[in-house]
Amino acid sequence: MTELSSTIVLAETGVNMSIFDDAKHLCSWCGLSPANNESAGKKKSVRIAKAGDYLKPLMVQCALAAIKNKKQPYFAIKYRRIKKGVVTKKQSLPSQE
């Protein structure tokens, strides 16, 4: 994360982080957490919120830069490990032969 990125994050969130109970609340405020709209056991929407017009793209850009960093591969290794276990929509569909 560059100095400019951290300055923008501080400008958006403010210096006082005590208003956020934990990191999950901060992510939700930034609009990075998916919504959990469920009624009668049926999921209505799991889309990511539209909040954080300036902060969300910046955080996504910083995350992508972190997983592409060759000098510190910790996040790249963690990302690949998580991605390996995720089944995409294309993989889950039965073959149409």
Protein backbone atom coordinates (compact mmCIF):
# COMPACT_ATOMS: atom_id res chain seq x y z
CA MET A 1 0.00 0.00 0.00
CA THR A 2 1.48 3.30 -1.03
CA GLU A 3 1.56 6.52 0.95
CA LEU A 4 -1.16 8.00 -1.28
CA SER A 5 -3.42 4.98 -0.72
CA SER A 6 -3.04 5.15 3.03
CA THR A 7 -3.74 8.88 2.97
CA ILE A 8 -6.97 8.32 1.04
CA VAL A 9 -8.04 5.55 3.44
CA LEU A 10 -7.43 7.85 6.42
CA ALA A 11 -9.28 10.70 4.71
CA GLU A 12 -12.31 8.48 4.08
CA THR A 13 -12.46 6.62 7.39
CA GLY A 14 -11.02 9.21 9.74
CA VAL A 15 -8.27 8.82 12.29
CA ASN A 16 -10.52 7.55 15.11
CA MET A 17 -10.92 3.82 14.44
CA SER A 18 -12.78 3.20 17.70
CA ILE A 19 -16.08 3.77 15.86
CA PHE A 20 -15.55 0.41 14.15
CA ASP A 21 -15.85 -2.56 16.51
CA ASP A 22 -13.53 -4.74 14.42
CA ALA A 23 -12.16 -5.22 10.91
CA LYS A 24 -15.43 -6.81 9.73
CA HIS A 25 -17.37 -3.64 10.55
CA LEU A 26 -14.84 -1.53 8.64
CA CYS A 27 -15.10 -3.84 5.60
CA SER A 28 -18.88 -3.63 5.75
CA TRP A 29 -18.75 0.17 5.98
CA CYS A 30 -16.43 0.27 2.94
CA GLY A 31 -18.91 -1.85 0.98
CA LEU A 32 -16.63 -4.88 0.65
CA SER A 33 -18.87 -7.40 2.45
CA PRO A 34 -21.66 -9.16 0.56
CA ALA A 35 -25.20 -8.54 1.72
CA ASN A 36 -27.06 -11.41 3.34
CA ASN A 37 -30.68 -10.92 2.29
CA GLU A 38 -32.53 -14.08 3.21
CA SER A 39 -36.23 -14.59 3.81
CA ALA A 40 -37.93 -17.90 4.65
CA GLY A 41 -34.73 -19.79 3.88
CA LYS A 42 -34.45 -18.35 0.34
CA LYS A 43 -31.49 -16.19 -0.56
CA LYS A 44 -32.57 -13.01 -2.31
CA SER A 45 -29.26 -11.29 -2.97
CA VAL A 46 -25.61 -11.73 -2.05
CA ARG A 47 -24.29 -8.82 -4.08
CA ILE A 48 -21.65 -6.52 -2.69
CA ALA A 49 -23.07 -3.23 -1.42
CA LYS A 50 -22.81 -0.02 -3.41
CA ALA A 51 -21.36 1.88 -0.43
CA GLY A 52 -17.86 3.31 -0.44
CA ASP A 53 -17.70 4.89 -3.89
CA TYR A 54 -14.11 6.04 -3.42
CA LEU A 55 -12.80 3.63 -0.82
CA LYS A 56 -14.00 0.32 -2.27
CA PRO A 57 -12.16 0.61 -5.63
CA LEU A 58 -9.02 1.73 -3.81
CA MET A 59 -9.13 -1.23 -1.41
CA VAL A 60 -9.70 -3.66 -4.30
CA GLN A 61 -6.77 -2.13 -6.18
CA CYS A 62 -4.52 -2.45 -3.11
CA ALA A 63 -5.58 -6.08 -2.63
CA LEU A 64 -4.79 -6.90 -6.26
CA ALA A 65 -1.40 -5.21 -5.92
CA ALA A 66 -0.72 -7.23 -2.75
CA ILE A 67 -1.38 -10.58 -4.44
CA LYS A 68 0.86 -9.65 -7.37
CA ASN A 69 3.79 -8.52 -5.19
CA LYS A 70 6.81 -10.73 -5.95
CA LYS A 71 8.92 -9.54 -3.00
CA GLN A 72 6.36 -10.49 -0.33
CA PRO A 73 4.36 -13.49 -1.59
CA TYR A 74 2.35 -14.07 1.64
CA PHE A 75 -0.95 -12.70 0.27
CA ALA A 76 -0.43 -14.31 -3.15
CA ILE A 77 -0.01 -17.73 -1.54
CA LYS A 78 -3.04 -17.19 0.69
CA TYR A 79 -5.13 -16.00 -2.28
CA ARG A 80 -4.20 -19.03 -4.41
CA ARG A 81 -5.02 -21.37 -1.53
CA ILE A 82 -8.48 -19.82 -1.11
CA LYS A 83 -9.12 -19.64 -4.85
CA LYS A 84 -8.29 -23.33 -5.28
CA GLY A 85 -11.23 -24.34 -3.08
CA VAL A 86 -13.81 -22.03 -4.67
CA VAL A 87 -16.14 -23.57 -7.24
CA THR A 88 -17.13 -21.14 -9.97
CA LYS A 89 -20.54 -21.00 -11.58
CA LYS A 90 -19.11 -22.41 -14.81
CA GLN A 91 -17.59 -25.42 -12.98
CA SER A 92 -20.77 -26.24 -11.08
CA LEU A 93 -23.03 -26.47 -14.15
CA PRO A 94 -23.60 -29.97 -15.55
CA SER A 95 -22.13 -30.57 -18.97
CA GLN A 96 -24.53 -29.87 -21.84
CA GLU A 97 -23.45 -32.62 -24.24
